[in-house]
Amino acid sequence: SDRDWSSDVCSSDLEQESTVSRFMDYIDEHYAEDLSLYKIAESVFYLHPNYLSKLLKNRTGMSFSKYITKIRMEKAAHMLLDTDLFISAIGSLIGYNSTSYFVQTFHKSYGLTPSEFRKQHEKEITDGM
């Protein structure tokens, strides 16, 4: 039979796209929790962790842990600029139990400590007025 296999490929691509989008949304909503690829893959998506990880890597170019770190650092940057919360509180709110590890990770991402980042952006705001 001359079955058209291309429609199967498309639906599988759409399925993958939908799965990776749902996965990214899940991370975006639960970033402050202790996230484990295995737990999410098996108990939320009912998929093999390696498969889910591969979909994320294909979509973002990042591993699971790098992607979570990126999301957490973006949330931290917003909190640093939009709130007066202590650095330790922000670290806790985005899922870091250790303030020093949060500061270290933030510095690696932005080239500044959280306090330097906040000061620099406050200066830009006041200089711009």
N, C-alpha and C. Protein backbone atom coordinates (compact mmCIF):
# COMPACT_ATOMS: atom_id res chain seq x y z
N SER A 1 0.85 -1.20 0.00
CA SER A 1 0.00 0.00 0.00
C SER A 1 0.88 1.25 0.00
N ASP A 2 0.35 2.30 -0.59
CA ASP A 2 1.09 3.57 -0.65
C ASP A 2 0.68 4.49 0.50
N ARG A 3 0.91 4.02 1.70
CA ARG A 3 0.51 4.80 2.87
C ARG A 3 1.37 6.06 2.97
N ASP A 4 0.76 7.18 3.33
CA ASP A 4 1.50 8.43 3.50
C ASP A 4 2.03 8.52 4.92
N TRP A 5 3.34 8.26 5.07
CA TRP A 5 3.96 8.24 6.41
C TRP A 5 4.26 9.64 6.91
N SER A 6 4.24 10.63 6.03
CA SER A 6 4.62 11.98 6.46
C SER A 6 3.68 12.54 7.52
N SER A 7 2.40 12.14 7.46
CA SER A 7 1.46 12.65 8.47
C SER A 7 1.81 12.11 9.85
N ASP A 8 2.34 10.87 9.91
CA ASP A 8 2.77 10.30 11.19
C ASP A 8 3.94 11.10 11.77
N VAL A 9 4.87 11.46 10.90
CA VAL A 9 6.04 12.22 11.34
C VAL A 9 5.59 13.57 11.88
N CYS A 10 4.68 14.23 11.17
CA CYS A 10 4.21 15.54 11.61
C CYS A 10 3.54 15.47 12.97
N SER A 11 2.66 14.50 13.14
CA SER A 11 1.97 14.43 14.42
C SER A 11 2.96 14.13 15.53
N SER A 12 3.99 13.35 15.23
CA SER A 12 4.98 13.05 16.25
C SER A 12 5.80 14.30 16.56
N ASP A 13 6.11 15.12 15.54
CA ASP A 13 6.81 16.39 15.78
C ASP A 13 5.95 17.32 16.62
N LEU A 14 4.66 17.39 16.29
CA LEU A 14 3.74 18.23 17.05
C LEU A 14 3.63 17.75 18.49
N GLU A 15 3.57 16.44 18.66
CA GLU A 15 3.50 15.85 19.99
C GLU A 15 4.74 16.21 20.81
N GLN A 16 5.91 16.09 20.17
CA GLN A 16 7.17 16.42 20.84
C GLN A 16 7.18 17.90 21.22
N GLU A 17 6.75 18.74 20.28
CA GLU A 17 6.72 20.18 20.51
C GLU A 17 5.80 20.51 21.68
N SER A 18 4.64 19.87 21.71
CA SER A 18 3.68 20.08 22.78
C SER A 18 4.26 19.60 24.12
N THR A 19 4.91 18.45 24.10
CA THR A 19 5.50 17.89 25.32
C THR A 19 6.58 18.81 25.87
N VAL A 20 7.48 19.26 25.00
CA VAL A 20 8.58 20.11 25.48
C VAL A 20 8.05 21.46 25.96
N SER A 21 7.01 21.97 25.32
CA SER A 21 6.40 23.23 25.78
C SER A 21 5.77 23.06 27.15
N ARG A 22 5.07 21.95 27.35
CA ARG A 22 4.46 21.67 28.66
C ARG A 22 5.54 21.47 29.72
N PHE A 23 6.64 20.83 29.34
CA PHE A 23 7.76 20.60 30.24
C PHE A 23 8.37 21.94 30.67
N MET A 24 8.58 22.83 29.70
CA MET A 24 9.15 24.15 30.00
C MET A 24 8.19 24.97 30.88
N ASP A 25 6.90 24.87 30.60
CA ASP A 25 5.90 25.56 31.42
C ASP A 25 5.93 25.02 32.85
N TYR A 26 6.06 23.71 32.97
CA TYR A 26 6.11 23.08 34.29
C TYR A 26 7.30 23.62 35.08
N ILE A 27 8.45 23.67 34.44
CA ILE A 27 9.66 24.18 35.11
C ILE A 27 9.44 25.64 35.49
N ASP A 28 8.85 26.40 34.60
CA ASP A 28 8.60 27.83 34.84
C ASP A 28 7.69 28.04 36.05
N GLU A 29 6.74 27.14 36.25
CA GLU A 29 5.81 27.27 37.38
C GLU A 29 6.37 26.69 38.67
N HIS A 30 7.26 25.72 38.58
CA HIS A 30 7.74 25.00 39.77
C HIS A 30 9.23 25.21 40.04
N TYR A 31 9.82 26.25 39.44
CA TYR A 31 11.27 26.47 39.54
C TYR A 31 11.79 26.56 40.97
N ALA A 32 10.94 26.99 41.91
CA ALA A 32 11.40 27.17 43.29
C ALA A 32 11.45 25.85 44.06
N GLU A 33 10.87 24.81 43.47
CA GLU A 33 10.84 23.51 44.15
C GLU A 33 12.13 22.74 43.88
N ASP A 34 12.31 21.66 44.62
CA ASP A 34 13.46 20.80 44.41
C ASP A 34 13.14 19.91 43.21
N LEU A 35 13.55 20.36 42.03
CA LEU A 35 13.16 19.67 40.80
C LEU A 35 14.15 18.57 40.42
N SER A 36 13.60 17.43 40.10
CA SER A 36 14.40 16.30 39.64
C SER A 36 13.86 15.86 38.29
N LEU A 37 14.75 15.75 37.32
CA LEU A 37 14.35 15.31 35.99
C LEU A 37 13.61 13.98 36.07
N TYR A 38 14.12 13.07 36.89
CA TYR A 38 13.51 11.74 36.99
C TYR A 38 12.10 11.83 37.55
N LYS A 39 11.93 12.60 38.63
CA LYS A 39 10.59 12.73 39.23
C LYS A 39 9.61 13.34 38.25
N ILE A 40 10.00 14.42 37.61
CA ILE A 40 9.10 15.10 36.66
C ILE A 40 8.77 14.18 35.50
N ALA A 41 9.80 13.55 34.94
CA ALA A 41 9.59 12.68 33.77
C ALA A 41 8.65 11.54 34.11
N GLU A 42 8.89 10.90 35.24
CA GLU A 42 8.12 9.70 35.56
C GLU A 42 6.76 9.99 36.18
N SER A 43 6.67 10.99 37.06
CA SER A 43 5.39 11.18 37.75
C SER A 43 4.50 12.25 37.14
N VAL A 44 5.07 13.16 36.33
CA VAL A 44 4.24 14.20 35.71
C VAL A 44 3.98 13.89 34.24
N PHE A 45 5.01 13.49 33.52
CA PHE A 45 4.87 13.27 32.08
C PHE A 45 4.81 11.80 31.67
N TYR A 46 5.12 10.91 32.58
CA TYR A 46 5.11 9.47 32.29
C TYR A 46 5.98 9.13 31.08
N LEU A 47 7.15 9.76 31.03
CA LEU A 47 8.09 9.54 29.93
C LEU A 47 9.45 9.20 30.52
N HIS A 48 10.30 8.65 29.68
CA HIS A 48 11.66 8.34 30.13
C HIS A 48 12.43 9.66 30.30
N PRO A 49 13.14 9.82 31.42
CA PRO A 49 13.89 11.06 31.68
C PRO A 49 14.85 11.45 30.53
N ASN A 50 15.52 10.46 29.95
CA ASN A 50 16.45 10.76 28.85
C ASN A 50 15.73 11.36 27.65
N TYR A 51 14.53 10.87 27.38
CA TYR A 51 13.74 11.37 26.25
C TYR A 51 13.35 12.83 26.50
N LEU A 52 12.86 13.09 27.69
CA LEU A 52 12.43 14.45 28.05
C LEU A 52 13.62 15.40 28.01
N SER A 53 14.75 14.95 28.53
CA SER A 53 15.97 15.73 28.54
C SER A 53 16.42 16.07 27.12
N LYS A 54 16.32 15.07 26.23
CA LYS A 54 16.72 15.25 24.82
C LYS A 54 15.81 16.27 24.13
N LEU A 55 14.51 16.19 24.40
CA LEU A 55 13.57 17.15 23.80
C LEU A 55 13.93 18.58 24.24
N LEU A 56 14.22 18.74 25.53
CA LEU A 56 14.56 20.07 26.06
C LEU A 56 15.86 20.57 25.43
N LYS A 57 16.83 19.71 25.33
CA LYS A 57 18.14 20.07 24.76
C LYS A 57 17.98 20.48 23.28
N ASN A 58 17.15 19.73 22.54
CA ASN A 58 16.91 20.06 21.13
C ASN A 58 16.24 21.42 20.99
N ARG A 59 15.34 21.73 21.89
CA ARG A 59 14.57 22.98 21.82
C ARG A 59 15.38 24.17 22.31
N THR A 60 16.14 24.00 23.41
CA THR A 60 16.78 25.15 24.05
C THR A 60 18.30 25.16 23.91
N GLY A 61 18.87 24.02 23.54
CA GLY A 61 20.33 23.91 23.49
C GLY A 61 20.92 23.74 24.88
N MET A 62 20.06 23.54 25.88
CA MET A 62 20.53 23.42 27.26
C MET A 62 20.12 22.12 27.90
N SER A 63 20.95 21.69 28.85
CA SER A 63 20.59 20.52 29.65
C SER A 63 19.49 20.94 30.63
N PHE A 64 18.88 19.97 31.25
CA PHE A 64 17.83 20.20 32.25
C PHE A 64 18.34 21.14 33.36
N SER A 65 19.50 20.83 33.94
CA SER A 65 19.99 21.64 35.07
C SER A 65 20.38 23.05 34.63
N LYS A 66 20.95 23.19 33.43
CA LYS A 66 21.28 24.53 32.93
C LYS A 66 20.01 25.35 32.69
N TYR A 67 18.98 24.69 32.16
CA TYR A 67 17.73 25.39 31.89
C TYR A 67 17.08 25.87 33.19
N ILE A 68 17.05 25.01 34.20
CA ILE A 68 16.47 25.42 35.49
C ILE A 68 17.26 26.58 36.08
N THR A 69 18.58 26.49 36.00
CA THR A 69 19.42 27.58 36.52
C THR A 69 19.11 28.88 35.79
N LYS A 70 18.98 28.82 34.48
CA LYS A 70 18.67 30.02 33.69
C LYS A 70 17.34 30.63 34.15
N ILE A 71 16.32 29.80 34.30
CA ILE A 71 15.01 30.30 34.74
C ILE A 71 15.13 30.93 36.13
N ARG A 72 15.80 30.22 37.05
CA ARG A 72 15.95 30.73 38.41
C ARG A 72 16.71 32.06 38.44
N MET A 73 17.74 32.17 37.64
CA MET A 73 18.53 33.41 37.61
C MET A 73 17.72 34.57 37.03
N GLU A 74 16.90 34.30 36.03
CA GLU A 74 16.04 35.33 35.45
C GLU A 74 15.04 35.81 36.50
N LYS A 75 14.44 34.86 37.25
CA LYS A 75 13.48 35.22 38.29
C LYS A 75 14.19 36.05 39.37
N ALA A 76 15.41 35.63 39.74
CA ALA A 76 16.18 36.35 40.76
C ALA A 76 16.46 37.78 40.31
N ALA A 77 16.87 37.93 39.06
CA ALA A 77 17.18 39.27 38.53
C ALA A 77 15.95 40.17 38.62
N HIS A 78 14.79 39.64 38.26
CA HIS A 78 13.55 40.43 38.36
C HIS A 78 13.28 40.82 39.81
N MET A 79 13.43 39.86 40.72
CA MET A 79 13.17 40.14 42.13
C MET A 79 14.15 41.18 42.68
N LEU A 80 15.39 41.11 42.24
CA LEU A 80 16.40 42.07 42.71
C LEU A 80 16.02 43.49 42.30
N LEU A 81 15.44 43.62 41.12
CA LEU A 81 15.08 44.94 40.61
C LEU A 81 13.71 45.40 41.07
N ASP A 82 12.79 44.46 41.29
CA ASP A 82 11.39 44.82 41.58
C ASP A 82 11.02 44.77 43.05
N THR A 83 11.91 44.25 43.90
CA THR A 83 11.59 44.15 45.32
C THR A 83 12.76 44.64 46.16
N ASP A 84 12.52 44.81 47.45
CA ASP A 84 13.59 45.17 48.39
C ASP A 84 13.96 43.97 49.24
N LEU A 85 13.60 42.78 48.78
CA LEU A 85 13.88 41.58 49.55
C LEU A 85 15.38 41.37 49.75
N PHE A 86 15.73 40.78 50.89
CA PHE A 86 17.12 40.43 51.14
C PHE A 86 17.57 39.40 50.11
N ILE A 87 18.87 39.40 49.83
CA ILE A 87 19.46 38.44 48.89
C ILE A 87 19.14 37.00 49.34
N SER A 88 19.26 36.75 50.64
CA SER A 88 19.00 35.39 51.15
C SER A 88 17.54 34.98 50.91
N ALA A 89 16.62 35.94 51.05
CA ALA A 89 15.20 35.65 50.82
C ALA A 89 14.96 35.32 49.35
N ILE A 90 15.57 36.08 48.47
CA ILE A 90 15.43 35.82 47.03
C ILE A 90 15.98 34.44 46.70
N GLY A 91 17.15 34.12 47.25
CA GLY A 91 17.74 32.80 47.04
C GLY A 91 16.78 31.69 47.43
N SER A 92 16.17 31.84 48.61
CA SER A 92 15.21 30.84 49.08
C SER A 92 13.99 30.76 48.17
N LEU A 93 13.48 31.91 47.77
CA LEU A 93 12.27 31.95 46.93
C LEU A 93 12.47 31.29 45.57
N ILE A 94 13.69 31.29 45.07
CA ILE A 94 13.92 30.67 43.77
C ILE A 94 14.46 29.25 43.88
N GLY A 95 14.55 28.74 45.11
CA GLY A 95 14.88 27.33 45.27
C GLY A 95 16.29 27.00 45.75
N TYR A 96 17.01 28.00 46.26
CA TYR A 96 18.36 27.72 46.78
C TYR A 96 18.33 27.74 48.30
N ASN A 97 18.78 26.64 48.92
CA ASN A 97 18.84 26.57 50.39
C ASN A 97 20.05 27.33 50.92
N SER A 98 21.08 27.42 50.09
CA SER A 98 22.32 28.07 50.50
C SER A 98 22.46 29.42 49.81
N THR A 99 22.54 30.49 50.61
CA THR A 99 22.70 31.83 50.05
C THR A 99 24.02 31.94 49.29
N SER A 100 25.09 31.36 49.85
CA SER A 100 26.38 31.49 49.18
C SER A 100 26.38 30.78 47.82
N TYR A 101 25.68 29.65 47.73
CA TYR A 101 25.59 28.96 46.45
C TYR A 101 24.76 29.78 45.46
N PHE A 102 23.70 30.41 45.94
CA PHE A 102 22.88 31.29 45.09
C PHE A 102 23.74 32.44 44.56
N VAL A 103 24.49 33.10 45.46
CA VAL A 103 25.33 34.24 45.08
C VAL A 103 26.36 33.80 44.03
N GLN A 104 26.98 32.66 44.27
CA GLN A 104 27.99 32.10 43.36
C GLN A 104 27.38 31.82 41.98
N THR A 105 26.21 31.19 41.97
CA THR A 105 25.54 30.85 40.71
C THR A 105 25.11 32.11 39.97
N PHE A 106 24.58 33.09 40.71
CA PHE A 106 24.16 34.36 40.10
C PHE A 106 25.37 35.06 39.48
N HIS A 107 26.47 35.08 40.21
CA HIS A 107 27.69 35.72 39.73
C HIS A 107 28.18 35.06 38.44
N LYS A 108 28.09 33.74 38.41
CA LYS A 108 28.51 32.99 37.21
C LYS A 108 27.62 33.37 36.02
N SER A 109 26.34 33.62 36.26
CA SER A 109 25.40 33.94 35.18
C SER A 109 25.50 35.38 34.71
N TYR A 110 25.69 36.32 35.64
CA TYR A 110 25.62 37.74 35.30
C TYR A 110 26.95 38.49 35.42
N GLY A 111 27.98 37.84 35.97
CA GLY A 111 29.25 38.52 36.13
C GLY A 111 29.25 39.51 37.28
N LEU A 112 28.18 39.52 38.06
CA LEU A 112 28.05 40.40 39.23
C LEU A 112 27.40 39.61 40.35
N THR A 113 27.66 39.99 41.59
CA THR A 113 26.91 39.38 42.70
C THR A 113 25.51 39.98 42.66
N PRO A 114 24.54 39.36 43.35
CA PRO A 114 23.19 39.94 43.38
C PRO A 114 23.18 41.39 43.89
N SER A 115 23.98 41.71 44.94
CA SER A 115 23.98 43.09 45.44
C SER A 115 24.59 44.06 44.44
N GLU A 116 25.65 43.65 43.76
CA GLU A 116 26.26 44.50 42.73
C GLU A 116 25.26 44.72 41.59
N PHE A 117 24.57 43.65 41.21
CA PHE A 117 23.56 43.73 40.14
C PHE A 117 22.48 44.74 40.51
N ARG A 118 21.98 44.64 41.73
CA ARG A 118 20.93 45.54 42.20
C ARG A 118 21.45 46.98 42.23
N LYS A 119 22.63 47.19 42.78
CA LYS A 119 23.23 48.55 42.85
C LYS A 119 23.42 49.14 41.47
N GLN A 120 23.98 48.34 40.56
CA GLN A 120 24.25 48.83 39.21
C GLN A 120 22.96 49.26 38.52
N HIS A 121 21.91 48.47 38.69
CA HIS A 121 20.65 48.82 38.02
C HIS A 121 19.94 49.98 38.69
N GLU A 122 20.09 50.12 39.99
CA GLU A 122 19.53 51.30 40.68
C GLU A 122 20.23 52.55 40.19
N LYS A 123 21.56 52.45 40.01
CA LYS A 123 22.36 53.59 39.52
C LYS A 123 21.91 53.96 38.12
N GLU A 124 21.68 52.96 37.25
CA GLU A 124 21.23 53.25 35.89
C GLU A 124 19.89 53.96 35.90
N ILE A 125 19.02 53.54 36.82
CA ILE A 125 17.69 54.16 36.90
C ILE A 125 17.81 55.62 37.35
N THR A 126 18.62 55.88 38.41
CA THR A 126 18.76 57.26 38.89
C THR A 126 19.55 58.12 37.91
N ASP A 127 20.55 57.55 37.24
CA ASP A 127 21.30 58.32 36.23
C ASP A 127 20.42 58.69 35.05
N GLY A 128 19.48 57.83 34.74
CA GLY A 128 18.60 58.05 33.59
C GLY A 128 17.53 59.09 33.83
N MET A 129 17.36 59.54 35.08
CA MET A 129 16.28 60.49 35.39
C MET A 129 16.68 61.91 35.08
